Amino acid sequence: MNVFAFLLAFAVYGAGAGQTPLPGVLTVAAHDASEAMRASARFVCDGEDDQEEINAAIAALPEAGGTVFLPAGTYDIRRVEGELGGVLIRRSHVTLQGEGVATKLIQADAQETNVIRIIGSGVGHVTVRDLYVDANRDGNPKSEGDPNISHARFEFCGIKAYRNRPGESSAAEDTHHITVENCVVFNAARLGIMLEGPGMKVINNRLGNATSDVVEILTGPGEIRGNYFEITGRTHVAVGSDRGNNIIMSDNIVHVRETGDIDIAIRTWADSHRHVIAGNIILVDAGGKCTHAMDLRGYDTAVTGNCVYAANPDAPLLLKLTAGNVVVTGNVLQNVIIEVDDQTQTGKPIIIRDNILENTTVVVKNGTVLKEAAIPE
């Protein structure tokens, strides 16, 4: 148990028998929790449809919000009929807290839903932390949705935050200030973590395979920081933004293992602005497949202090730049092709300098590439 979980458990259970739990902290015990834990919990699961007890605890929190604590155990998560998820957070100021990898939320077969769905106009200040989330994509192979309705294809995630249902009026206010921290999220049929709105943070998690993006932030500002991505199977993108501005992608490790097959390690979206991509490590083992180390389509981007390495020098990684006002400096790139192909026709500068380039070439197809920054007179 980490320090945070220990303090929370102490707050919930008190120093001993007969202590009164703090208000705003409700405990949901798994069916396989200890007898003592089950006896002291406000809600007790039976090992099937455990989202029912978790959702009841969220609804029972005080008006000011609070914490739903899920102690160690295995929780069976199934789709709530007519809804877009199993665990549903539809109110602000909620923390869903586990005990790390010992608290397992596993989507049952044939549910085709989000394990955790945060939804509602203006819902914010939500934290999901210290949980193990297995979205079980192999057991949910029909996760498709209508490609003609916005978001409909992306309601099959480990954790998703978006203001409303696909196709509903956009007049609702964005979800906002949502943090996913110290979680393990694997095997999503679409995205591992998808958060739309301002103030989103995905920090210090262990993350893995997803059919679409492992992590994606939309709108911005936001942070994807300090995460370890372990890619062992087919995956589209590890770290990504979509229609998102002002996003920091830093201090992440994207490790493509021998059996891994990923299209893009780090991506920014077209016409986006102001990204900082710094201090990341992209590592592709022998046998692993990765097409793009980075696919950077946005303007106003700083790429600095990153280490990119492909074990196979005959299969170099592509670092592609397709917009201007981008600086690439202070990186160590081994077995990489830097391709400049500015598709914006704005002529904004691209600066590539002061990098270590080992078996790495720069190919300029289109764009204004400067060796040194322009110095005003």
Foldseek 3Di string as FASTA:
>chain_A
DDPVVVVQVCQQCPPDPPDHHDAQEAEEEECPDDPVSQVSGPHYDNQELQLVRVQVVQVPHDPQHHEYEYEFDEHEFADDPPDAEGNEAEAARYEYYYQADRAEYEYAAQRLHEHYEYEAFAHENYEYERYEFELPCVRHVVQAADPVWPCRSPGFEPYEYFHHDTPDDPPGHGYEQYEYENYEFEDTQAEHYEGEDENYEYAQYEYEAYQEEPYEYAAYDYEDEHYEYEFQEEHEEYAEYDNYENYEYAQYEHEFDLNGAYEEHYEYYAAYEHYEYAHYEYEYEVNGHYAAPYHYRYAQYEAEHYEYDYPDLVRAHEHEYADANYEHEHYEYASYEYEYHHPPPPQHEYEYEHYHYHSYYYHYPDHHYDPDDDDDD
